[in-house]
PDB file of N, CA and C in Angstrom:
ATOM      1  N   MET A   1       0.713  -1.309  -0.004  1.00  0.00           N
ATOM      2  CA  MET A   1       0.024  -0.001   0.004  1.00  0.00           C
ATOM      3  C   MET A   1       0.851   1.229   0.062  1.00  0.00           C
ATOM      4  N   GLY A   2       0.306   2.299  -0.628  1.00  0.00           N
ATOM      5  CA  GLY A   2       1.065   3.488  -0.712  1.00  0.00           C
ATOM      6  C   GLY A   2       1.009   4.324   0.731  1.00  0.00           C
ATOM      7  N   GLU A   3       1.708   5.366   0.579  1.00  0.00           N
ATOM      8  CA  GLU A   3       1.820   6.318   1.797  1.00  0.00           C
ATOM      9  C   GLU A   3       0.316   6.793   1.986  1.00  0.00           C
ATOM     10  N   ALA A   4      -0.022   7.006   3.363  1.00  0.00           N
ATOM     11  CA  ALA A   4      -1.423   7.487   3.615  1.00  0.00           C
ATOM     12  C   ALA A   4      -1.328   9.039   3.322  1.00  0.00           C
ATOM     13  N   LYS A   5      -2.404   9.425   2.701  1.00  0.00           N
ATOM     14  CA  LYS A   5      -2.628  10.927   2.431  1.00  0.00           C
ATOM     15  C   LYS A   5      -3.816  11.395   3.231  1.00  0.00           C
ATOM     16  N   ASN A   6      -3.601  12.482   3.926  1.00  0.00           N
ATOM     17  CA  ASN A   6      -4.784  12.935   4.842  1.00  0.00           C
ATOM     18  C   ASN A   6      -5.288  14.151   4.223  1.00  0.00           C
ATOM     19  N   ILE A   7      -6.493  14.368   4.047  1.00  0.00           N
ATOM     20  CA  ILE A   7      -7.336  15.486   3.443  1.00  0.00           C
ATOM     21  C   ILE A   7      -8.309  15.845   4.503  1.00  0.00           C
ATOM     22  N   THR A   8      -8.415  17.099   4.923  1.00  0.00           N
ATOM     23  CA  THR A   8      -9.366  17.648   5.769  1.00  0.00           C
ATOM     24  C   THR A   8     -10.256  18.644   5.035  1.00  0.00           C
ATOM     25  N   ALA A   9     -11.542  18.322   5.098  1.00  0.00           N
ATOM     26  CA  ALA A   9     -12.577  19.155   4.517  1.00  0.00           C
ATOM     27  C   ALA A   9     -13.376  19.876   5.477  1.00  0.00           C
ATOM     28  N   GLY A  10     -13.548  21.115   5.383  1.00  0.00           N
ATOM     29  CA  GLY A  10     -14.293  21.818   6.298  1.00  0.00           C
ATOM     30  C   GLY A  10     -15.595  22.305   5.722  1.00  0.00           C
ATOM     31  N   TYR A  11     -16.715  22.192   6.387  1.00  0.00           N
ATOM     32  CA  TYR A  11     -18.116  22.598   5.942  1.00  0.00           C
ATOM     33  C   TYR A  11     -18.705  23.626   7.106  1.00  0.00           C
ATOM     34  N   ASP A  12     -19.426  24.637   6.602  1.00  0.00           N
ATOM     35  CA  ASP A  12     -20.095  25.579   7.402  1.00  0.00           C
ATOM     36  C   ASP A  12     -21.529  25.777   6.790  1.00  0.00           C
ATOM     37  N   PHE A  13     -22.496  25.377   7.387  1.00  0.00           N
ATOM     38  CA  PHE A  13     -23.775  25.412   6.946  1.00  0.00           C
ATOM     39  C   PHE A  13     -24.632  26.519   7.346  1.00  0.00           C
ATOM     40  N   GLY A  14     -23.768  27.621   8.014  1.00  0.00           N
ATOM     41  CA  GLY A  14     -24.461  28.782   8.487  1.00  0.00           C
ATOM     42  C   GLY A  14     -25.302  28.709   9.787  1.00  0.00           C
ATOM     43  N   ASP A  15     -25.048  27.565  10.564  1.00  0.00           N
ATOM     44  CA  ASP A  15     -25.800  27.437  11.751  1.00  0.00           C
ATOM     45  C   ASP A  15     -24.731  27.627  12.940  1.00  0.00           C
ATOM     46  N   GLY A  16     -23.493  28.037  12.640  1.00  0.00           N
ATOM     47  CA  GLY A  16     -22.625  28.346  13.695  1.00  0.00           C
ATOM     48  C   GLY A  16     -21.859  27.151  14.208  1.00  0.00           C
ATOM     49  N   VAL A  17     -22.201  25.930  13.548  1.00  0.00           N
ATOM     50  CA  VAL A  17     -21.497  24.692  13.943  1.00  0.00           C
ATOM     51  C   VAL A  17     -20.643  24.202  12.769  1.00  0.00           C
ATOM     52  N   PRO A  18     -19.362  24.625  12.723  1.00  0.00           N
ATOM     53  CA  PRO A  18     -18.471  24.155  11.630  1.00  0.00           C
ATOM     54  C   PRO A  18     -18.258  22.737  11.779  1.00  0.00           C
ATOM     55  N   ILE A  19     -18.136  22.023  10.637  1.00  0.00           N
ATOM     56  CA  ILE A  19     -17.940  20.528  10.645  1.00  0.00           C
ATOM     57  C   ILE A  19     -16.557  20.307   9.882  1.00  0.00           C
ATOM     58  N   LYS A  20     -15.727  19.480  10.504  1.00  0.00           N
ATOM     59  CA  LYS A  20     -14.527  19.119   9.823  1.00  0.00           C
ATOM     60  C   LYS A  20     -14.560  17.557   9.685  1.00  0.00           C
ATOM     61  N   VAL A  21     -14.252  17.257   8.405  1.00  0.00           N
ATOM     62  CA  VAL A  21     -14.192  15.795   8.072  1.00  0.00           C
ATOM     63  C   VAL A  21     -12.796  15.385   7.584  1.00  0.00           C
ATOM     64  N   ARG A  22     -12.320  14.343   8.078  1.00  0.00           N
ATOM     65  CA  ARG A  22     -10.986  13.905   7.743  1.00  0.00           C
ATOM     66  C   ARG A  22     -11.102  12.745   6.833  1.00  0.00           C
ATOM     67  N   TYR A  23     -10.458  12.803   5.763  1.00  0.00           N
ATOM     68  CA  TYR A  23     -10.431  11.674   4.831  1.00  0.00           C
ATOM     69  C   TYR A  23      -9.103  11.106   4.634  1.00  0.00           C
ATOM     70  N   ILE A  24      -8.840   9.906   4.808  1.00  0.00           N
ATOM     71  CA  ILE A  24      -7.494   9.182   4.752  1.00  0.00           C
ATOM     72  C   ILE A  24      -7.587   8.260   3.526  1.00  0.00           C
ATOM     73  N   PHE A  25      -6.572   8.540   2.721  1.00  0.00           N
ATOM     74  CA  PHE A  25      -6.439   7.609   1.577  1.00  0.00           C
ATOM     75  C   PHE A  25      -5.078   6.834   1.762  1.00  0.00           C
ATOM     76  N   ARG A  26      -5.244   5.487   1.819  1.00  0.00           N
ATOM     77  CA  ARG A  26      -4.044   4.745   1.959  1.00  0.00           C
ATOM     78  C   ARG A  26      -4.105   3.626   0.980  1.00  0.00           C
ATOM     79  N   GLY A  27      -3.579   3.812  -0.109  1.00  0.00           N
ATOM     80  CA  GLY A  27      -3.520   2.869  -1.241  1.00  0.00           C
ATOM     81  C   GLY A  27      -4.962   2.377  -1.632  1.00  0.00           C
ATOM     82  N   THR A  28      -5.066   1.167  -2.175  1.00  0.00           N
ATOM     83  CA  THR A  28      -6.366   0.698  -2.535  1.00  0.00           C
ATOM     84  C   THR A  28      -6.855  -0.341  -1.739  1.00  0.00           C
ATOM     85  N   PRO A  29      -8.157  -0.388  -1.289  1.00  0.00           N
ATOM     86  CA  PRO A  29      -8.631  -1.510  -0.496  1.00  0.00           C
ATOM     87  C   PRO A  29      -9.155  -2.675  -1.364  1.00  0.00           C
ATOM     88  N   TYR A  30      -8.875  -2.584  -2.734  1.00  0.00           N
ATOM     89  CA  TYR A  30      -9.375  -3.631  -3.589  1.00  0.00           C
ATOM     90  C   TYR A  30      -8.328  -4.673  -3.735  1.00  0.00           C
ATOM     91  N   GLY A  31      -8.756  -5.932  -3.954  1.00  0.00           N
ATOM     92  CA  GLY A  31      -7.881  -7.035  -4.041  1.00  0.00           C
ATOM     93  C   GLY A  31      -8.012  -7.624  -5.511  1.00  0.00           C
ATOM     94  N   LYS A  32      -7.557  -9.012  -5.561  1.00  0.00           N
ATOM     95  CA  LYS A  32      -7.547  -9.782  -6.800  1.00  0.00           C
ATOM     96  C   LYS A  32      -9.077 -10.008  -7.335  1.00  0.00           C
ATOM     97  N   GLU A  33      -9.860 -10.340  -6.336  1.00  0.00           N
ATOM     98  CA  GLU A  33     -11.352 -10.782  -6.553  1.00  0.00           C
ATOM     99  C   GLU A  33     -12.017  -9.425  -7.334  1.00  0.00           C
ATOM    100  N   GLU A  34     -11.841  -8.086  -6.788  1.00  0.00           N
ATOM    101  CA  GLU A  34     -12.363  -7.141  -7.434  1.00  0.00           C
ATOM    102  C   GLU A  34     -11.859  -6.737  -8.735  1.00  0.00           C
ATOM    103  N   LEU A  35     -10.457  -6.906  -8.954  1.00  0.00           N
ATOM    104  CA  LEU A  35      -9.890  -6.547 -10.211  1.00  0.00           C
ATOM    105  C   LEU A  35     -10.337  -7.614 -11.247  1.00  0.00           C
ATOM    106  N   ALA A  36     -10.560  -8.795 -10.778  1.00  0.00           N
ATOM    107  CA  ALA A  36     -11.160  -9.956 -11.785  1.00  0.00           C
ATOM    108  C   ALA A  36     -12.576  -9.422 -12.322  1.00  0.00           C
ATOM    109  N   ALA A  37     -13.353  -8.969 -11.254  1.00  0.00           N
ATOM    110  CA  ALA A  37     -14.825  -8.508 -11.525  1.00  0.00           C
ATOM    111  C   ALA A  37     -14.724  -7.368 -12.666  1.00  0.00           C
ATOM    112  N   VAL A  38     -13.821  -6.434 -12.345  1.00  0.00           N
ATOM    113  CA  VAL A  38     -13.664  -5.308 -13.292  1.00  0.00           C
ATOM    114  C   VAL A  38     -13.324  -5.816 -14.764  1.00  0.00           C
ATOM    115  N   LYS A  39     -12.298  -6.628 -14.716  1.00  0.00           N
ATOM    116  CA  LYS A  39     -11.834  -7.196 -16.124  1.00  0.00           C
ATOM    117  C   LYS A  39     -12.947  -7.980 -16.856  1.00  0.00           C
ATOM    118  N   GLU A  40     -13.655  -8.698 -16.005  1.00  0.00           N
ATOM    119  CA  GLU A  40     -14.853  -9.368 -16.628  1.00  0.00           C
ATOM    120  C   GLU A  40     -15.925  -8.500 -17.242  1.00  0.00           C
ATOM    121  N   ALA A  41     -16.173  -7.414 -16.628  1.00  0.00           N
ATOM    122  CA  ALA A  41     -17.087  -6.393 -17.097  1.00  0.00           C
ATOM    123  C   ALA A  41     -16.595  -5.712 -18.267  1.00  0.00           C
ATOM    124  N   PHE A  42     -15.116  -5.341 -18.285  1.00  0.00           N
ATOM    125  CA  PHE A  42     -14.636  -4.833 -19.487  1.00  0.00           C
ATOM    126  C   PHE A  42     -14.764  -5.782 -20.672  1.00  0.00           C
ATOM    127  N   LYS A  43     -14.551  -7.090 -20.429  1.00  0.00           N
ATOM    128  CA  LYS A  43     -14.543  -8.107 -21.452  1.00  0.00           C
ATOM    129  C   LYS A  43     -15.920  -8.253 -22.083  1.00  0.00           C
ATOM    130  N   GLY A  44     -16.965  -8.104 -21.065  1.00  0.00           N
ATOM    131  CA  GLY A  44     -18.310  -8.339 -21.593  1.00  0.00           C
ATOM    132  C   GLY A  44     -18.953  -7.162 -22.378  1.00  0.00           C
ATOM    133  N   GLY A  45     -18.232  -5.931 -22.310  1.00  0.00           N
ATOM    134  CA  GLY A  45     -18.727  -4.831 -22.937  1.00  0.00           C
ATOM    135  C   GLY A  45     -19.709  -4.012 -22.414  1.00  0.00           C
ATOM    136  N   THR A  46     -20.128  -4.320 -21.162  1.00  0.00           N
ATOM    137  CA  THR A  46     -21.159  -3.549 -20.415  1.00  0.00           C
ATOM    138  C   THR A  46     -20.710  -3.177 -19.161  1.00  0.00           C
ATOM    139  N   LEU A  47     -20.527  -1.852 -19.033  1.00  0.00           N
ATOM    140  CA  LEU A  47     -20.066  -1.193 -17.767  1.00  0.00           C
ATOM    141  C   LEU A  47     -21.243  -0.561 -16.989  1.00  0.00           C
ATOM    142  N   THR A  48     -22.383  -0.476 -17.628  1.00  0.00           N
ATOM    143  CA  THR A  48     -23.602  -0.050 -16.998  1.00  0.00           C
ATOM    144  C   THR A  48     -24.823  -0.873 -17.367  1.00  0.00           C
ATOM    145  N   MET A  49     -25.619  -1.124 -16.434  1.00  0.00           N
ATOM    146  CA  MET A  49     -26.797  -1.857 -16.653  1.00  0.00           C
ATOM    147  C   MET A  49     -26.659  -3.327 -17.301  1.00  0.00           C
ATOM    148  N   GLY A  50     -25.594  -3.814 -16.965  1.00  0.00           N
ATOM    149  CA  GLY A  50     -25.272  -5.158 -17.402  1.00  0.00           C
ATOM    150  C   GLY A  50     -25.574  -6.200 -16.551  1.00  0.00           C
ATOM    151  N   PRO A  51     -25.092  -7.513 -16.652  1.00  0.00           N
ATOM    152  CA  PRO A  51     -25.476  -8.655 -15.836  1.00  0.00           C
ATOM    153  C   PRO A  51     -24.793  -8.515 -14.437  1.00  0.00           C
ATOM    154  N   GLN A  52     -23.664  -7.739 -14.308  1.00  0.00           N
ATOM    155  CA  GLN A  52     -23.096  -7.570 -13.066  1.00  0.00           C
ATOM    156  C   GLN A  52     -23.936  -6.772 -12.169  1.00  0.00           C
ATOM    157  N   VAL A  53     -24.529  -5.652 -12.768  1.00  0.00           N
ATOM    158  CA  VAL A  53     -25.371  -4.719 -12.013  1.00  0.00           C
ATOM    159  C   VAL A  53     -26.603  -5.478 -11.558  1.00  0.00           C
ATOM    160  N   GLU A  54     -27.268  -6.298 -12.528  1.00  0.00           N
ATOM    161  CA  GLU A  54     -28.447  -6.934 -12.034  1.00  0.00           C
ATOM    162  C   GLU A  54     -28.004  -8.027 -10.868  1.00  0.00           C
ATOM    163  N   ALA A  55     -26.950  -8.657 -10.958  1.00  0.00           N
ATOM    164  CA  ALA A  55     -26.617  -9.552  -9.886  1.00  0.00           C
ATOM    165  C   ALA A  55     -26.391  -8.783  -8.606  1.00  0.00           C
ATOM    166  N   PHE A  56     -25.745  -7.713  -8.641  1.00  0.00           N
ATOM    167  CA  PHE A  56     -25.574  -6.976  -7.447  1.00  0.00           C
ATOM    168  C   PHE A  56     -26.950  -6.263  -6.955  1.00  0.00           C
ATOM    169  N   GLU A  57     -27.747  -5.836  -7.778  1.00  0.00           N
ATOM    170  CA  GLU A  57     -29.069  -5.484  -7.178  1.00  0.00           C
ATOM    171  C   GLU A  57     -29.746  -6.569  -6.509  1.00  0.00           C
ATOM    172  N   LYS A  58     -29.795  -7.758  -7.047  1.00  0.00           N
ATOM    173  CA  LYS A  58     -30.473  -8.940  -6.540  1.00  0.00           C
ATOM    174  C   LYS A  58     -29.761  -9.201  -5.074  1.00  0.00           C
ATOM    175  N   GLU A  59     -28.472  -9.405  -5.112  1.00  0.00           N
ATOM    176  CA  GLU A  59     -27.826  -9.730  -3.877  1.00  0.00           C
ATOM    177  C   GLU A  59     -27.992  -8.645  -2.835  1.00  0.00           C
ATOM    178  N   PHE A  60     -27.906  -7.438  -3.267  1.00  0.00           N
ATOM    179  CA  PHE A  60     -28.093  -6.315  -2.286  1.00  0.00           C
ATOM    180  C   PHE A  60     -29.500  -6.337  -1.579  1.00  0.00           C
ATOM    181  N   ALA A  61     -30.488  -6.558  -2.537  1.00  0.00           N
ATOM    182  CA  ALA A  61     -31.966  -6.621  -1.993  1.00  0.00           C
ATOM    183  C   ALA A  61     -32.123  -7.639  -0.975  1.00  0.00           C
ATOM    184  N   LYS A  62     -31.483  -8.872  -1.280  1.00  0.00           N
ATOM    185  CA  LYS A  62     -31.634 -10.018  -0.285  1.00  0.00           C
ATOM    186  C   LYS A  62     -30.870  -9.516   0.883  1.00  0.00           C
ATOM    187  N   TYR A  63     -29.620  -9.011   0.821  1.00  0.00           N
ATOM    188  CA  TYR A  63     -28.866  -8.667   1.981  1.00  0.00           C
ATOM    189  C   TYR A  63     -29.599  -7.675   3.022  1.00  0.00           C
ATOM    190  N   VAL A  64     -30.371  -6.741   2.423  1.00  0.00           N
ATOM    191  CA  VAL A  64     -30.990  -5.815   3.165  1.00  0.00           C
ATOM    192  C   VAL A  64     -32.427  -6.103   3.556  1.00  0.00           C
ATOM    193  N   GLY A  65     -32.884  -7.215   2.886  1.00  0.00           N
ATOM    194  CA  GLY A  65     -34.223  -7.647   3.319  1.00  0.00           C
ATOM    195  C   GLY A  65     -35.405  -6.993   2.659  1.00  0.00           C
ATOM    196  N   CYS A  66     -35.115  -6.634   1.458  1.00  0.00           N
ATOM    197  CA  CYS A  66     -36.332  -6.011   0.563  1.00  0.00           C
ATOM    198  C   CYS A  66     -36.594  -6.768  -0.782  1.00  0.00           C
ATOM    199  N   LYS A  67     -37.559  -6.516  -1.327  1.00  0.00           N
ATOM    200  CA  LYS A  67     -37.859  -7.205  -2.665  1.00  0.00           C
ATOM    201  C   LYS A  67     -37.058  -6.693  -3.924  1.00  0.00           C
ATOM    202  N   HIS A  68     -36.779  -5.390  -3.846  1.00  0.00           N
ATOM    203  CA  HIS A  68     -36.047  -4.938  -5.080  1.00  0.00           C
ATOM    204  C   HIS A  68     -35.067  -3.879  -4.607  1.00  0.00           C
ATOM    205  N   ALA A  69     -33.950  -3.760  -5.517  1.00  0.00           N
ATOM    206  CA  ALA A  69     -32.937  -2.793  -5.261  1.00  0.00           C
ATOM    207  C   ALA A  69     -32.602  -2.090  -6.716  1.00  0.00           C
ATOM    208  N   PHE A  70     -32.347  -0.896  -6.653  1.00  0.00           N
ATOM    209  CA  PHE A  70     -31.998  -0.123  -7.965  1.00  0.00           C
ATOM    210  C   PHE A  70     -30.628   0.478  -7.744  1.00  0.00           C
ATOM    211  N   ALA A  71     -29.663   0.025  -8.408  1.00  0.00           N
ATOM    212  CA  ALA A  71     -28.251   0.571  -8.425  1.00  0.00           C
ATOM    213  C   ALA A  71     -28.191   1.898  -9.194  1.00  0.00           C
ATOM    214  N   VAL A  72     -27.557   2.953  -8.525  1.00  0.00           N
ATOM    215  CA  VAL A  72     -27.390   4.181  -9.176  1.00  0.00           C
ATOM    216  C   VAL A  72     -25.683   4.496  -8.938  1.00  0.00           C
ATOM    217  N   SER A  73     -25.220   5.311  -9.680  1.00  0.00           N
ATOM    218  CA  SER A  73     -23.781   5.811  -9.639  1.00  0.00           C
ATOM    219  C   SER A  73     -23.443   6.729  -8.480  1.00  0.00           C
ATOM    220  N   ASN A  74     -24.469   7.433  -7.897  1.00  0.00           N
ATOM    221  CA  ASN A  74     -24.145   8.420  -6.926  1.00  0.00           C
ATOM    222  C   ASN A  74     -25.434   8.877  -6.197  1.00  0.00           C
ATOM    223  N   CYS A  75     -25.229   9.729  -5.039  1.00  0.00           N
ATOM    224  CA  CYS A  75     -26.465  10.140  -4.326  1.00  0.00           C
ATOM    225  C   CYS A  75     -27.391  10.928  -5.111  1.00  0.00           C
ATOM    226  N   THR A  76     -26.865  11.953  -6.008  1.00  0.00           N
ATOM    227  CA  THR A  76     -27.618  12.847  -6.672  1.00  0.00           C
ATOM    228  C   THR A  76     -28.490  11.944  -7.697  1.00  0.00           C
ATOM    229  N   SER A  77     -28.007  10.956  -8.269  1.00  0.00           N
ATOM    230  CA  SER A  77     -28.850  10.148  -9.197  1.00  0.00           C
ATOM    231  C   SER A  77     -29.899   9.422  -8.247  1.00  0.00           C
ATOM    232  N   ALA A  78     -29.544   8.918  -7.105  1.00  0.00           N
ATOM    233  CA  ALA A  78     -30.589   8.402  -6.297  1.00  0.00           C
ATOM    234  C   ALA A  78     -31.679   9.272  -5.849  1.00  0.00           C
ATOM    235  N   MET A  79     -31.260  10.535  -5.644  1.00  0.00           N
ATOM    236  CA  MET A  79     -32.346  11.539  -5.232  1.00  0.00           C
ATOM    237  C   MET A  79     -33.207  11.794  -6.447  1.00  0.00           C
ATOM    238  N   HIS A  80     -32.735  11.943  -7.566  1.00  0.00           N
ATOM    239  CA  HIS A  80     -33.535  12.011  -8.822  1.00  0.00           C
ATOM    240  C   HIS A  80     -34.600  10.890  -9.025  1.00  0.00           C
ATOM    241  N   VAL A  81     -33.984   9.663  -8.750  1.00  0.00           N
ATOM    242  CA  VAL A  81     -34.870   8.451  -8.888  1.00  0.00           C
ATOM    243  C   VAL A  81     -36.011   8.538  -7.817  1.00  0.00           C
ATOM    244  N   VAL A  82     -35.609   8.786  -6.536  1.00  0.00           N
ATOM    245  CA  VAL A  82     -36.736   8.930  -5.488  1.00  0.00           C
ATOM    246  C   VAL A  82     -37.687   9.976  -5.811  1.00  0.00           C
ATOM    247  N   THR A  83     -37.319  11.217  -6.299  1.00  0.00           N
ATOM    248  CA  THR A  83     -38.258  12.184  -6.468  1.00  0.00           C
ATOM    249  C   THR A  83     -39.153  11.810  -7.636  1.00  0.00           C
ATOM    250  N   GLN A  84     -38.674  11.057  -8.567  1.00  0.00           N
ATOM    251  CA  GLN A  84     -39.652  10.578  -9.621  1.00  0.00           C
ATOM    252  C   GLN A  84     -40.580   9.483  -9.109  1.00  0.00           C
ATOM    253  N   MET A  85     -40.264   8.595  -8.353  1.00  0.00           N
ATOM    254  CA  MET A  85     -41.056   7.644  -7.764  1.00  0.00           C
ATOM    255  C   MET A  85     -42.110   8.125  -6.682  1.00  0.00           C
ATOM    256  N   LEU A  86     -41.761   9.381  -6.204  1.00  0.00           N
ATOM    257  CA  LEU A  86     -42.761   9.893  -5.177  1.00  0.00           C
ATOM    258  C   LEU A  86     -43.857  10.636  -5.963  1.00  0.00           C
ATOM    259  N   ASP A  87     -43.834  10.737  -7.153  1.00  0.00           N
ATOM    260  CA  ASP A  87     -44.835  11.402  -7.985  1.00  0.00           C
ATOM    261  C   ASP A  87     -45.167  12.767  -7.524  1.00  0.00           C
ATOM    262  N   LEU A  88     -44.056  13.602  -7.393  1.00  0.00           N
ATOM    263  CA  LEU A  88     -44.137  15.004  -6.882  1.00  0.00           C
ATOM    264  C   LEU A  88     -44.737  15.832  -8.067  1.00  0.00           C
ATOM    265  N   GLY A  89     -45.568  16.801  -7.534  1.00  0.00           N
ATOM    266  CA  GLY A  89     -46.090  17.635  -8.575  1.00  0.00           C
ATOM    267  C   GLY A  89     -45.677  19.186  -8.382  1.00  0.00           C
ATOM    268  N   PRO A  90     -46.187  20.102  -9.183  1.00  0.00           N
ATOM    269  CA  PRO A  90     -45.768  21.448  -9.092  1.00  0.00           C
ATOM    270  C   PRO A  90     -46.255  22.096  -7.697  1.00  0.00           C
ATOM    271  N   GLY A  91     -45.367  22.750  -6.982  1.00  0.00           N
ATOM    272  CA  GLY A  91     -45.650  23.213  -5.837  1.00  0.00           C
ATOM    273  C   GLY A  91     -45.439  22.379  -4.529  1.00  0.00           C
ATOM    274  N   ASP A  92     -44.973  21.139  -4.818  1.00  0.00           N
ATOM    275  CA  ASP A  92     -44.640  20.216  -3.613  1.00  0.00           C
ATOM    276  C   ASP A  92     -43.363  20.654  -3.030  1.00  0.00           C
ATOM    277  N   GLU A  93     -43.226  20.661  -1.760  1.00  0.00           N
ATOM    278  CA  GLU A  93     -42.077  20.984  -1.085  1.00  0.00           C
ATOM    279  C   GLU A  93     -41.219  19.814  -0.855  1.00  0.00           C
ATOM    280  N   VAL A  94     -39.960  19.924  -1.174  1.00  0.00           N
ATOM    281  CA  VAL A  94     -38.977  18.796  -0.942  1.00  0.00           C
ATOM    282  C   VAL A  94     -37.782  19.337  -0.124  1.00  0.00           C
ATOM    283  N   ILE A  95     -37.577  18.795   0.968  1.00  0.00           N
ATOM    284  CA  ILE A  95     -36.544  19.162   1.847  1.00  0.00           C
ATOM    285  C   ILE A  95     -35.437  18.134   1.908  1.00  0.00           C
ATOM    286  N   THR A  96     -34.184  18.504   1.615  1.00  0.00           N
ATOM    287  CA  THR A  96     -33.094  17.452   1.330  1.00  0.00           C
ATOM    288  C   THR A  96     -31.857  17.982   1.887  1.00  0.00           C
ATOM    289  N   THR A  97     -30.834  17.141   1.873  1.00  0.00           N
ATOM    290  CA  THR A  97     -29.611  17.518   2.413  1.00  0.00           C
ATOM    291  C   THR A  97     -28.921  18.364   1.335  1.00  0.00           C
ATOM    292  N   PRO A  98     -28.137  19.448   1.925  1.00  0.00           N
ATOM    293  CA  PRO A  98     -27.534  20.444   0.936  1.00  0.00           C
ATOM    294  C   PRO A  98     -26.123  19.840   0.421  1.00  0.00           C
ATOM    295  N   ASN A  99     -25.657  18.798   0.861  1.00  0.00           N
ATOM    296  CA  ASN A  99     -24.436  18.239   0.302  1.00  0.00           C
ATOM    297  C   ASN A  99     -24.536  16.702   0.079  1.00  0.00           C
ATOM    298  N   THR A 100     -24.292  16.230  -1.121  1.00  0.00           N
ATOM    299  CA  THR A 100     -24.389  14.865  -1.516  1.00  0.00           C
ATOM    300  C   THR A 100     -23.125  14.432  -2.166  1.00  0.00           C
ATOM    301  N   PHE A 101     -22.988  13.085  -2.414  1.00  0.00           N
ATOM    302  CA  PHE A 101     -21.808  12.629  -3.003  1.00  0.00           C
ATOM    303  C   PHE A 101     -22.314  11.827  -4.209  1.00  0.00           C
TER     304      PHE A 101
END
């Protein structure tokens, strides 16, 4: 593993409570199994919505104990999906987090 790199990010949401978050990057946490899975996805020609994603969704749904799971690439995409599923209309108020990943 490589040398640890520390990054501190500061956030101020205007409520008088500054938040500091420390991120530590120390090499890669991925091993041979993950590398093999990535290679398999590249060979299959599907990086999105392919059989690996379907398998992940089924396994994740089973793991968390629900009928369905829908994989997305980030929190912003997840929030878009959720707002569409809620059937929001003009004038509906949505309160959400100001910071997503």
